[in-house]
Amino acid sequence: MILYLSIIIGGMFLIALGTSLGYQTRYLETLGFTALAIVIIISIDGLTATCARLLPKKCADRTKKCFQVSAKEKKFYEKLKIRAWKDWIPEIGHFTGFRKNKIDQPKNLEYLDRFLLECCYGEIGHTASVFSGFATLLFFPLTHTWVAISIPVSVVNAVLNVLPIFVLRYNAYKLEILRKSVLKKQGIAS
């Protein structure tokens, strides 16, 4: 969480500095509007995540094609060295009552199914937040200065939402393998 907050705060100062230099505006005023854009985008992300979590379970069905992770995709995540940095991505499952930062019951099929369901909900929420974050453009007048603030803030938000998607999909691939192993040990066909 500290890393994310550092990126947000550092980005805020850089966006404000770049905007104030590029458009000859006052730095503190630009910093204030940048901070406001960040508060708005965090609120939008929270609302988006809440709406995603209210979707029926059938929308987050792990067997849907959009949630399937191929071996090729897993290799892509491994090329990104995801194992080295995935633990730096904040996990805020405590809001839904289910933490996804560690597998507590690796032999419990019901637990693994819930874990995969939460991964799918997380993927839906983060994917929607990538796009809904650009709604900050609606909160400011379409002048060069405010567009120069809201677009970079929205892009940083998009990147900060794509990273958890990568982690969720990488973990889901591993969870599916674990789930199949548990099913096999229990003598249940998958």
N, C-alpha and C. Protein backbone atom coordinates (compact mmCIF):
# COMPACT_ATOMS: atom_id res chain seq x y z
N MET A 1 0.82 -1.18 0.00
CA MET A 1 0.00 0.00 0.00
C MET A 1 0.87 1.26 0.00
N ILE A 2 2.00 1.18 0.69
CA ILE A 2 2.91 2.32 0.76
C ILE A 2 3.44 2.65 -0.64
N LEU A 3 3.75 1.61 -1.41
CA LEU A 3 4.24 1.84 -2.77
C LEU A 3 3.18 2.57 -3.60
N TYR A 4 1.94 2.12 -3.52
CA TYR A 4 0.87 2.76 -4.29
C TYR A 4 0.67 4.21 -3.86
N LEU A 5 0.66 4.44 -2.57
CA LEU A 5 0.50 5.81 -2.08
C LEU A 5 1.67 6.69 -2.52
N SER A 6 2.87 6.13 -2.53
CA SER A 6 4.05 6.88 -2.99
C SER A 6 3.92 7.24 -4.46
N ILE A 7 3.44 6.28 -5.26
CA ILE A 7 3.25 6.54 -6.70
C ILE A 7 2.19 7.62 -6.90
N ILE A 8 1.10 7.53 -6.15
CA ILE A 8 0.02 8.51 -6.28
C ILE A 8 0.49 9.90 -5.87
N ILE A 9 1.14 9.99 -4.73
CA ILE A 9 1.58 11.30 -4.23
C ILE A 9 2.70 11.86 -5.12
N GLY A 10 3.67 11.02 -5.47
CA GLY A 10 4.75 11.47 -6.36
C GLY A 10 4.21 11.90 -7.72
N GLY A 11 3.28 11.09 -8.25
CA GLY A 11 2.65 11.43 -9.52
C GLY A 11 1.90 12.74 -9.45
N MET A 12 1.22 12.96 -8.31
CA MET A 12 0.46 14.19 -8.12
C MET A 12 1.37 15.41 -8.21
N PHE A 13 2.51 15.34 -7.53
CA PHE A 13 3.44 16.47 -7.56
C PHE A 13 4.04 16.68 -8.95
N LEU A 14 4.37 15.57 -9.63
CA LEU A 14 4.94 15.69 -10.98
C LEU A 14 3.92 16.21 -11.99
N ILE A 15 2.69 15.72 -11.90
CA ILE A 15 1.64 16.21 -12.81
C ILE A 15 1.39 17.69 -12.58
N ALA A 16 1.32 18.08 -11.31
CA ALA A 16 1.10 19.50 -11.00
C ALA A 16 2.26 20.36 -11.48
N LEU A 17 3.47 19.87 -11.28
CA LEU A 17 4.64 20.63 -11.72
C LEU A 17 4.68 20.74 -13.24
N GLY A 18 4.48 19.63 -13.93
CA GLY A 18 4.49 19.65 -15.39
C GLY A 18 3.40 20.53 -15.96
N THR A 19 2.22 20.47 -15.36
CA THR A 19 1.10 21.28 -15.85
C THR A 19 1.35 22.75 -15.59
N SER A 20 1.84 23.07 -14.39
CA SER A 20 2.06 24.49 -14.09
C SER A 20 3.18 25.08 -14.94
N LEU A 21 4.20 24.30 -15.24
CA LEU A 21 5.28 24.80 -16.10
C LEU A 21 4.81 24.90 -17.56
N GLY A 22 4.08 23.89 -18.01
CA GLY A 22 3.65 23.85 -19.40
C GLY A 22 2.60 24.89 -19.75
N TYR A 23 1.77 25.26 -18.79
CA TYR A 23 0.67 26.20 -19.07
C TYR A 23 0.76 27.48 -18.24
N GLN A 24 1.93 27.73 -17.66
CA GLN A 24 2.18 28.95 -16.88
C GLN A 24 1.04 29.22 -15.86
N THR A 25 0.66 28.18 -15.13
CA THR A 25 -0.34 28.36 -14.07
C THR A 25 0.38 28.31 -12.73
N ARG A 26 -0.31 28.72 -11.69
CA ARG A 26 0.27 28.70 -10.36
C ARG A 26 0.37 27.27 -9.85
N TYR A 27 1.53 26.94 -9.30
CA TYR A 27 1.81 25.56 -8.87
C TYR A 27 0.85 25.08 -7.79
N LEU A 28 0.62 25.89 -6.75
CA LEU A 28 -0.25 25.46 -5.66
C LEU A 28 -1.68 25.26 -6.12
N GLU A 29 -2.14 26.10 -7.00
CA GLU A 29 -3.50 25.93 -7.55
C GLU A 29 -3.58 24.63 -8.35
N THR A 30 -2.57 24.40 -9.17
CA THR A 30 -2.53 23.19 -9.98
C THR A 30 -2.40 21.95 -9.09
N LEU A 31 -1.59 22.06 -8.04
CA LEU A 31 -1.44 20.95 -7.09
C LEU A 31 -2.78 20.65 -6.43
N GLY A 32 -3.52 21.68 -6.07
CA GLY A 32 -4.85 21.50 -5.46
C GLY A 32 -5.81 20.79 -6.40
N PHE A 33 -5.83 21.20 -7.66
CA PHE A 33 -6.72 20.55 -8.62
C PHE A 33 -6.27 19.12 -8.92
N THR A 34 -4.96 18.88 -8.90
CA THR A 34 -4.46 17.52 -9.09
C THR A 34 -4.89 16.64 -7.93
N ALA A 35 -4.78 17.16 -6.72
CA ALA A 35 -5.23 16.41 -5.54
C ALA A 35 -6.73 16.13 -5.62
N LEU A 36 -7.49 17.12 -6.07
CA LEU A 36 -8.94 16.93 -6.24
C LEU A 36 -9.22 15.85 -7.28
N ALA A 37 -8.48 15.86 -8.38
CA ALA A 37 -8.66 14.83 -9.41
C ALA A 37 -8.38 13.44 -8.85
N ILE A 38 -7.38 13.34 -7.99
CA ILE A 38 -7.04 12.05 -7.38
C ILE A 38 -8.13 11.60 -6.42
N VAL A 39 -8.65 12.51 -5.63
CA VAL A 39 -9.75 12.16 -4.72
C VAL A 39 -10.97 11.70 -5.52
N ILE A 40 -11.25 12.40 -6.60
CA ILE A 40 -12.39 12.02 -7.46
C ILE A 40 -12.16 10.63 -8.05
N ILE A 41 -10.96 10.38 -8.54
CA ILE A 41 -10.71 9.09 -9.18
C ILE A 41 -10.73 7.95 -8.17
N ILE A 42 -10.25 8.18 -6.96
CA ILE A 42 -10.32 7.15 -5.91
C ILE A 42 -11.78 6.88 -5.56
N SER A 43 -12.59 7.92 -5.52
CA SER A 43 -14.02 7.75 -5.26
C SER A 43 -14.69 6.96 -6.38
N ILE A 44 -14.34 7.29 -7.62
CA ILE A 44 -14.89 6.56 -8.76
C ILE A 44 -14.48 5.09 -8.70
N ASP A 45 -13.21 4.84 -8.37
CA ASP A 45 -12.73 3.45 -8.26
C ASP A 45 -13.49 2.69 -7.17
N GLY A 46 -13.72 3.36 -6.05
CA GLY A 46 -14.47 2.72 -4.95
C GLY A 46 -15.89 2.40 -5.36
N LEU A 47 -16.53 3.33 -6.04
CA LEU A 47 -17.89 3.11 -6.52
C LEU A 47 -17.93 2.00 -7.57
N THR A 48 -16.96 2.00 -8.45
CA THR A 48 -16.88 0.95 -9.48
C THR A 48 -16.69 -0.42 -8.85
N ALA A 49 -15.80 -0.51 -7.86
CA ALA A 49 -15.56 -1.79 -7.18
C ALA A 49 -16.81 -2.26 -6.45
N THR A 50 -17.52 -1.33 -5.82
CA THR A 50 -18.76 -1.68 -5.12
C THR A 50 -19.80 -2.19 -6.10
N CYS A 51 -19.95 -1.52 -7.22
CA CYS A 51 -20.92 -1.97 -8.24
C CYS A 51 -20.54 -3.33 -8.79
N ALA A 52 -19.25 -3.56 -9.03
CA ALA A 52 -18.79 -4.85 -9.55
C ALA A 52 -19.11 -5.96 -8.55
N ARG A 53 -18.92 -5.66 -7.28
CA ARG A 53 -19.15 -6.68 -6.23
C ARG A 53 -20.63 -6.99 -6.07
N LEU A 54 -21.50 -6.09 -6.49
CA LEU A 54 -22.95 -6.31 -6.39
C LEU A 54 -23.50 -7.15 -7.55
N LEU A 55 -22.67 -7.41 -8.54
CA LEU A 55 -23.11 -8.23 -9.67
C LEU A 55 -23.43 -9.65 -9.19
N PRO A 56 -24.37 -10.32 -9.84
CA PRO A 56 -24.66 -11.70 -9.45
C PRO A 56 -23.46 -12.61 -9.70
N LYS A 57 -23.38 -13.71 -8.96
CA LYS A 57 -22.25 -14.62 -9.06
C LYS A 57 -22.06 -15.16 -10.48
N LYS A 58 -23.14 -15.28 -11.23
CA LYS A 58 -23.00 -15.82 -12.59
C LYS A 58 -22.15 -14.91 -13.47
N CYS A 59 -22.07 -13.62 -13.13
CA CYS A 59 -21.22 -12.69 -13.90
C CYS A 59 -19.74 -12.93 -13.62
N ALA A 60 -19.45 -13.52 -12.46
CA ALA A 60 -18.06 -13.78 -12.07
C ALA A 60 -17.77 -15.28 -12.09
N ASP A 61 -18.39 -15.97 -13.00
CA ASP A 61 -18.21 -17.42 -13.12
C ASP A 61 -16.84 -17.72 -13.71
N ARG A 62 -16.02 -18.40 -12.95
CA ARG A 62 -14.63 -18.69 -13.34
C ARG A 62 -14.53 -19.52 -14.61
N THR A 63 -15.62 -20.19 -14.99
CA THR A 63 -15.57 -21.02 -16.19
C THR A 63 -15.82 -20.24 -17.48
N LYS A 64 -16.20 -18.98 -17.35
CA LYS A 64 -16.40 -18.15 -18.55
C LYS A 64 -15.06 -17.94 -19.25
N LYS A 65 -15.14 -17.87 -20.55
CA LYS A 65 -13.93 -17.74 -21.37
C LYS A 65 -13.08 -16.53 -20.97
N CYS A 66 -13.72 -15.42 -20.62
CA CYS A 66 -12.96 -14.21 -20.29
C CYS A 66 -12.10 -14.37 -19.03
N PHE A 67 -12.43 -15.34 -18.18
CA PHE A 67 -11.66 -15.56 -16.96
C PHE A 67 -10.63 -16.68 -17.11
N GLN A 68 -10.64 -17.36 -18.24
CA GLN A 68 -9.69 -18.45 -18.46
C GLN A 68 -8.31 -17.87 -18.76
N VAL A 69 -7.31 -18.45 -18.14
CA VAL A 69 -5.93 -18.00 -18.32
C VAL A 69 -5.16 -19.13 -19.00
N SER A 70 -4.59 -18.82 -20.13
CA SER A 70 -3.84 -19.84 -20.88
C SER A 70 -2.41 -19.94 -20.34
N ALA A 71 -1.77 -21.03 -20.69
CA ALA A 71 -0.37 -21.21 -20.31
C ALA A 71 0.50 -20.11 -20.94
N LYS A 72 0.13 -19.70 -22.16
CA LYS A 72 0.86 -18.63 -22.85
C LYS A 72 0.75 -17.31 -22.07
N GLU A 73 -0.46 -17.02 -21.58
CA GLU A 73 -0.64 -15.80 -20.78
C GLU A 73 0.16 -15.89 -19.48
N LYS A 74 0.16 -17.05 -18.85
CA LYS A 74 0.93 -17.25 -17.62
C LYS A 74 2.42 -17.00 -17.89
N LYS A 75 2.91 -17.46 -19.04
CA LYS A 75 4.31 -17.23 -19.39
C LYS A 75 4.60 -15.74 -19.57
N PHE A 76 3.62 -15.01 -20.12
CA PHE A 76 3.76 -13.56 -20.24
C PHE A 76 3.96 -12.92 -18.87
N TYR A 77 3.15 -13.34 -17.88
CA TYR A 77 3.29 -12.80 -16.53
C TYR A 77 4.63 -13.18 -15.92
N GLU A 78 5.09 -14.38 -16.22
CA GLU A 78 6.39 -14.79 -15.70
C GLU A 78 7.52 -13.99 -16.35
N LYS A 79 7.36 -13.62 -17.62
CA LYS A 79 8.36 -12.76 -18.28
C LYS A 79 8.40 -11.38 -17.62
N LEU A 80 7.25 -10.96 -17.11
CA LEU A 80 7.19 -9.69 -16.38
C LEU A 80 7.77 -9.81 -14.97
N LYS A 81 8.21 -11.02 -14.64
CA LYS A 81 8.76 -11.31 -13.30
C LYS A 81 7.74 -10.99 -12.20
N ILE A 82 6.52 -11.42 -12.42
CA ILE A 82 5.41 -11.09 -11.52
C ILE A 82 5.64 -11.61 -10.10
N ARG A 83 6.31 -12.73 -9.97
CA ARG A 83 6.55 -13.27 -8.62
C ARG A 83 7.39 -12.32 -7.77
N ALA A 84 8.23 -11.53 -8.41
CA ALA A 84 9.11 -10.61 -7.68
C ALA A 84 8.36 -9.39 -7.16
N TRP A 85 7.29 -8.98 -7.84
CA TRP A 85 6.63 -7.73 -7.45
C TRP A 85 5.16 -7.88 -7.06
N LYS A 86 4.57 -9.05 -7.24
CA LYS A 86 3.13 -9.18 -6.99
C LYS A 86 2.74 -8.91 -5.54
N ASP A 87 3.63 -9.19 -4.61
CA ASP A 87 3.30 -8.94 -3.20
C ASP A 87 3.33 -7.46 -2.83
N TRP A 88 3.84 -6.64 -3.74
CA TRP A 88 3.85 -5.19 -3.51
C TRP A 88 2.52 -4.55 -3.89
N ILE A 89 1.69 -5.29 -4.60
CA ILE A 89 0.38 -4.77 -5.01
C ILE A 89 -0.57 -4.89 -3.82
N PRO A 90 -1.21 -3.81 -3.42
CA PRO A 90 -2.10 -3.88 -2.25
C PRO A 90 -3.26 -4.83 -2.48
N GLU A 91 -3.60 -5.59 -1.47
CA GLU A 91 -4.73 -6.51 -1.51
C GLU A 91 -5.72 -6.01 -0.46
N ILE A 92 -6.88 -5.59 -0.91
CA ILE A 92 -7.84 -5.01 0.04
C ILE A 92 -9.10 -5.87 0.15
N GLY A 93 -8.88 -7.18 0.20
CA GLY A 93 -9.99 -8.12 0.32
C GLY A 93 -10.74 -7.99 1.62
N HIS A 94 -10.16 -7.30 2.61
CA HIS A 94 -10.86 -7.14 3.88
C HIS A 94 -12.18 -6.38 3.70
N PHE A 95 -12.31 -5.63 2.61
CA PHE A 95 -13.57 -4.93 2.35
C PHE A 95 -14.69 -5.91 1.98
N THR A 96 -14.33 -7.06 1.43
CA THR A 96 -15.33 -8.07 1.05
C THR A 96 -15.33 -9.24 2.03
N GLY A 97 -14.48 -9.19 3.02
CA GLY A 97 -14.43 -10.26 4.00
C GLY A 97 -13.65 -11.48 3.52
N PHE A 98 -12.86 -11.32 2.46
CA PHE A 98 -12.08 -12.45 1.94
C PHE A 98 -10.73 -11.95 1.46
N ARG A 99 -9.69 -12.29 2.20
CA ARG A 99 -8.34 -11.88 1.83
C ARG A 99 -7.79 -12.81 0.75
N LYS A 100 -7.11 -12.22 -0.24
CA LYS A 100 -6.56 -13.01 -1.34
C LYS A 100 -5.04 -12.94 -1.39
N ASN A 101 -4.41 -12.55 -0.31
CA ASN A 101 -2.96 -12.45 -0.36
C ASN A 101 -2.25 -13.75 0.01
N LYS A 102 -3.02 -14.76 0.49
CA LYS A 102 -2.43 -16.06 0.78
C LYS A 102 -3.54 -17.10 0.83
N ILE A 103 -3.19 -18.33 0.45
CA ILE A 103 -4.16 -19.42 0.45
C ILE A 103 -4.14 -20.06 1.83
N ASP A 104 -5.22 -19.87 2.57
CA ASP A 104 -5.30 -20.39 3.93
C ASP A 104 -5.71 -21.86 3.99
N GLN A 105 -6.54 -22.30 3.04
CA GLN A 105 -7.06 -23.67 3.07
C GLN A 105 -6.86 -24.34 1.71
N PRO A 106 -5.62 -24.75 1.41
CA PRO A 106 -5.33 -25.26 0.07
C PRO A 106 -6.00 -26.59 -0.29
N LYS A 107 -6.55 -27.29 0.69
CA LYS A 107 -7.19 -28.58 0.41
C LYS A 107 -8.71 -28.50 0.47
N ASN A 108 -9.24 -27.32 0.71
CA ASN A 108 -10.68 -27.12 0.86
C ASN A 108 -11.25 -26.62 -0.47
N LEU A 109 -12.00 -27.48 -1.13
CA LEU A 109 -12.55 -27.15 -2.46
C LEU A 109 -13.49 -25.94 -2.41
N GLU A 110 -14.31 -25.86 -1.39
CA GLU A 110 -15.24 -24.73 -1.25
C GLU A 110 -14.47 -23.42 -1.09
N TYR A 111 -13.40 -23.46 -0.31
CA TYR A 111 -12.56 -22.29 -0.11
C TYR A 111 -11.90 -21.88 -1.44
N LEU A 112 -11.37 -22.85 -2.19
CA LEU A 112 -10.72 -22.54 -3.47
C LEU A 112 -11.72 -21.96 -4.47
N ASP A 113 -12.94 -22.48 -4.48
CA ASP A 113 -13.97 -21.93 -5.36
C ASP A 113 -14.29 -20.49 -4.98
N ARG A 114 -14.36 -20.20 -3.69
CA ARG A 114 -14.63 -18.83 -3.23
C ARG A 114 -13.46 -17.92 -3.62
N PHE A 115 -12.25 -18.43 -3.46
CA PHE A 115 -11.06 -17.66 -3.82
C PHE A 115 -11.10 -17.29 -5.30
N LEU A 116 -11.43 -18.27 -6.15
CA LEU A 116 -11.53 -18.02 -7.59
C LEU A 116 -12.66 -17.04 -7.91
N LEU A 117 -13.77 -17.15 -7.21
CA LEU A 117 -14.88 -16.21 -7.39
C LEU A 117 -14.43 -14.79 -7.06
N GLU A 118 -13.72 -14.64 -5.95
CA GLU A 118 -13.24 -13.31 -5.55
C GLU A 118 -12.21 -12.78 -6.55
N CYS A 119 -11.41 -13.66 -7.13
CA CYS A 119 -10.46 -13.24 -8.18
C CYS A 119 -11.23 -12.68 -9.38
N CYS A 120 -12.31 -13.36 -9.74
CA CYS A 120 -13.11 -12.90 -10.89
C CYS A 120 -13.78 -11.56 -10.59
N TYR A 121 -14.34 -11.42 -9.38
CA TYR A 121 -14.93 -10.13 -9.01
C TYR A 121 -13.87 -9.03 -9.03
N GLY A 122 -12.68 -9.34 -8.52
CA GLY A 122 -11.59 -8.36 -8.52
C GLY A 122 -11.20 -7.97 -9.93
N GLU A 123 -11.16 -8.94 -10.80
CA GLU A 123 -10.81 -8.67 -12.19
C GLU A 123 -11.86 -7.77 -12.85
N ILE A 124 -13.12 -8.06 -12.60
CA ILE A 124 -14.20 -7.22 -13.14
C ILE A 124 -14.07 -5.79 -12.64
N GLY A 125 -13.89 -5.65 -11.33
CA GLY A 125 -13.79 -4.32 -10.72
C GLY A 125 -12.60 -3.52 -11.23
N HIS A 126 -11.44 -4.16 -11.28
CA HIS A 126 -10.24 -3.45 -11.74
C HIS A 126 -10.32 -3.11 -13.23
N THR A 127 -10.87 -4.02 -14.02
CA THR A 127 -11.02 -3.75 -15.46
C THR A 127 -11.95 -2.56 -15.68
N ALA A 128 -13.07 -2.55 -14.96
CA ALA A 128 -14.00 -1.42 -15.08
C ALA A 128 -13.35 -0.12 -14.61
N SER A 129 -12.51 -0.20 -13.57
CA SER A 129 -11.85 1.01 -13.05
C SER A 129 -10.83 1.58 -14.02
N VAL A 130 -10.22 0.72 -14.83
CA VAL A 130 -9.28 1.21 -15.85
C VAL A 130 -9.99 2.24 -16.73
N PHE A 131 -11.23 1.92 -17.10
CA PHE A 131 -11.97 2.80 -18.01
C PHE A 131 -12.76 3.89 -17.28
N SER A 132 -13.36 3.55 -16.15
CA SER A 132 -14.17 4.55 -15.44
C SER A 132 -13.32 5.67 -14.87
N GLY A 133 -12.04 5.41 -14.68
CA GLY A 133 -11.15 6.45 -14.18
C GLY A 133 -11.06 7.65 -15.10
N PHE A 134 -11.32 7.44 -16.38
CA PHE A 134 -11.27 8.55 -17.32
C PHE A 134 -12.48 9.48 -17.17
N ALA A 135 -13.39 9.11 -16.28
CA ALA A 135 -14.54 9.99 -15.99
C ALA A 135 -14.10 11.28 -15.32
N THR A 136 -12.85 11.34 -14.84
CA THR A 136 -12.37 12.60 -14.25
C THR A 136 -12.42 13.73 -15.27
N LEU A 137 -12.36 13.37 -16.54
CA LEU A 137 -12.45 14.39 -17.60
C LEU A 137 -13.78 15.13 -17.54
N LEU A 138 -14.81 14.48 -16.97
CA LEU A 138 -16.13 15.10 -16.88
C LEU A 138 -16.23 16.11 -15.73
N PHE A 139 -15.28 16.08 -14.80
CA PHE A 139 -15.36 16.92 -13.62
C PHE A 139 -14.65 18.26 -13.78
N PHE A 140 -13.93 18.42 -14.86
CA PHE A 140 -13.18 19.65 -15.07
C PHE A 140 -13.57 20.28 -16.40
N PRO A 141 -13.45 21.60 -16.49
CA PRO A 141 -13.72 22.24 -17.79
C PRO A 141 -12.67 21.77 -18.80
N LEU A 142 -13.08 21.67 -20.04
CA LEU A 142 -12.17 21.17 -21.07
C LEU A 142 -11.20 22.26 -21.54
N THR A 143 -10.36 22.69 -20.62
CA THR A 143 -9.29 23.62 -20.96
C THR A 143 -8.00 22.82 -20.99
N HIS A 144 -6.97 23.38 -21.59
CA HIS A 144 -5.69 22.67 -21.68
C HIS A 144 -5.17 22.29 -20.31
N THR A 145 -5.26 23.20 -19.35
CA THR A 145 -4.72 22.94 -18.02
C THR A 145 -5.41 21.76 -17.36
N TRP A 146 -6.72 21.73 -17.38
CA TRP A 146 -7.44 20.68 -16.65
C TRP A 146 -7.38 19.34 -17.37
N VAL A 147 -7.34 19.38 -18.68
CA VAL A 147 -7.14 18.14 -19.43
C VAL A 147 -5.73 17.61 -19.15
N ALA A 148 -4.77 18.53 -19.03
CA ALA A 148 -3.39 18.14 -18.73
C ALA A 148 -3.27 17.54 -17.33
N ILE A 149 -4.23 17.80 -16.47
CA ILE A 149 -4.24 17.19 -15.13
C ILE A 149 -4.99 15.86 -15.17
N SER A 150 -6.21 15.88 -15.71
CA SER A 150 -7.06 14.70 -15.60
C SER A 150 -6.60 13.52 -16.46
N ILE A 151 -6.01 13.78 -17.60
CA ILE A 151 -5.53 12.66 -18.44
C ILE A 151 -4.36 11.92 -17.76
N PRO A 152 -3.32 12.62 -17.29
CA PRO A 152 -2.25 11.88 -16.60
C PRO A 152 -2.74 11.15 -15.34
N VAL A 153 -3.63 11.78 -14.58
CA VAL A 153 -4.18 11.12 -13.38
C VAL A 153 -4.93 9.86 -13.79
N SER A 154 -5.70 9.94 -14.87
CA SER A 154 -6.45 8.78 -15.35
C SER A 154 -5.53 7.68 -15.86
N VAL A 155 -4.45 8.05 -16.52
CA VAL A 155 -3.49 7.06 -17.03
C VAL A 155 -2.79 6.36 -15.86
N VAL A 156 -2.36 7.13 -14.86
CA VAL A 156 -1.74 6.51 -13.68
C VAL A 156 -2.73 5.56 -13.02
N ASN A 157 -3.98 5.98 -12.90
CA ASN A 157 -5.02 5.11 -12.33
C ASN A 157 -5.17 3.83 -13.15
N ALA A 158 -5.15 3.95 -14.46
CA ALA A 158 -5.29 2.77 -15.32
C ALA A 158 -4.15 1.79 -15.07
N VAL A 159 -2.92 2.30 -15.02
CA VAL A 159 -1.76 1.44 -14.77
C VAL A 159 -1.88 0.78 -13.40
N LEU A 160 -2.29 1.55 -12.40
CA LEU A 160 -2.41 1.01 -11.04
C LEU A 160 -3.56 0.01 -10.93
N ASN A 161 -4.45 -0.04 -11.91
CA ASN A 161 -5.51 -1.05 -11.93
C ASN A 161 -5.15 -2.24 -12.81
N VAL A 162 -4.30 -2.05 -13.79
CA VAL A 162 -3.88 -3.16 -14.65
C VAL A 162 -2.99 -4.13 -13.87
N LEU A 163 -2.13 -3.61 -13.03
CA LEU A 163 -1.22 -4.48 -12.27
C LEU A 163 -1.96 -5.50 -11.40
N PRO A 164 -2.99 -5.10 -10.65
CA PRO A 164 -3.74 -6.12 -9.89
C PRO A 164 -4.45 -7.13 -10.79
N ILE A 165 -4.87 -6.70 -11.97
CA ILE A 165 -5.49 -7.65 -12.91
C ILE A 165 -4.49 -8.73 -13.27
N PHE A 166 -3.26 -8.33 -13.56
CA PHE A 166 -2.21 -9.30 -13.87
C PHE A 166 -2.02 -10.28 -12.72
N VAL A 167 -1.96 -9.76 -11.49
CA VAL A 167 -1.76 -10.61 -10.32
C VAL A 167 -2.94 -11.56 -10.13
N LEU A 168 -4.16 -11.05 -10.27
CA LEU A 168 -5.35 -11.89 -10.11
C LEU A 168 -5.37 -13.01 -11.14
N ARG A 169 -5.06 -12.69 -12.36
CA ARG A 169 -5.09 -13.71 -13.43
C ARG A 169 -3.95 -14.73 -13.25
N TYR A 170 -2.80 -14.26 -12.86
CA TYR A 170 -1.68 -15.16 -12.60
C TYR A 170 -2.04 -16.12 -11.45
N ASN A 171 -2.59 -15.58 -10.38
CA ASN A 171 -2.97 -16.41 -9.24
C ASN A 171 -4.11 -17.36 -9.59
N ALA A 172 -5.05 -16.91 -10.40
CA ALA A 172 -6.18 -17.75 -10.80
C ALA A 172 -5.69 -18.98 -11.56
N TYR A 173 -4.69 -18.79 -12.40
CA TYR A 173 -4.12 -19.91 -13.14
C TYR A 173 -3.59 -20.96 -12.16
N LYS A 174 -2.84 -20.51 -11.17
CA LYS A 174 -2.28 -21.41 -10.16
C LYS A 174 -3.38 -22.05 -9.33
N LEU A 175 -4.40 -21.27 -8.99
CA LEU A 175 -5.52 -21.81 -8.19
C LEU A 175 -6.29 -22.89 -8.95
N GLU A 176 -6.44 -22.71 -10.25
CA GLU A 176 -7.13 -23.73 -11.05
C GLU A 176 -6.36 -25.05 -11.02
N ILE A 177 -5.05 -24.97 -11.10
CA ILE A 177 -4.21 -26.17 -11.02
C ILE A 177 -4.37 -26.83 -9.65
N LEU A 178 -4.32 -26.02 -8.60
CA LEU A 178 -4.50 -26.53 -7.24
C LEU A 178 -5.88 -27.16 -7.08
N ARG A 179 -6.89 -26.51 -7.62
CA ARG A 179 -8.27 -27.02 -7.53
C ARG A 179 -8.39 -28.39 -8.22
N LYS A 180 -7.80 -28.51 -9.42
CA LYS A 180 -7.83 -29.79 -10.14
C LYS A 180 -7.12 -30.88 -9.35
N SER A 181 -6.05 -30.52 -8.68
CA SER A 181 -5.31 -31.48 -7.85
C SER A 181 -6.16 -31.95 -6.68
N VAL A 182 -6.86 -31.03 -6.04
CA VAL A 182 -7.73 -31.37 -4.91
C VAL A 182 -8.87 -32.28 -5.40
N LEU A 183 -9.46 -31.94 -6.54
CA LEU A 183 -10.53 -32.76 -7.10
C LEU A 183 -10.02 -34.18 -7.38
N LYS A 184 -8.83 -34.27 -7.94
CA LYS A 184 -8.25 -35.58 -8.27
C LYS A 184 -8.02 -36.40 -7.01
N LYS A 185 -7.50 -35.76 -5.96
CA LYS A 185 -7.25 -36.46 -4.70
C LYS A 185 -8.55 -36.92 -4.03
N GLN A 186 -9.61 -36.14 -4.24
CA GLN A 186 -10.91 -36.51 -3.67
C GLN A 186 -11.69 -37.48 -4.57
N GLY A 187 -11.11 -37.77 -5.73
CA GLY A 187 -11.76 -38.70 -6.66
C GLY A 187 -12.96 -38.11 -7.35
N ILE A 188 -12.98 -36.79 -7.51
CA ILE A 188 -14.09 -36.10 -8.19
C ILE A 188 -13.61 -35.67 -9.56
N ALA A 189 -14.44 -35.93 -10.56
CA ALA A 189 -14.10 -35.49 -11.93
C ALA A 189 -14.29 -33.98 -12.03
N SER A 190 -13.38 -33.30 -12.71
CA SER A 190 -13.48 -31.83 -12.82
C SER A 190 -14.41 -31.45 -13.86
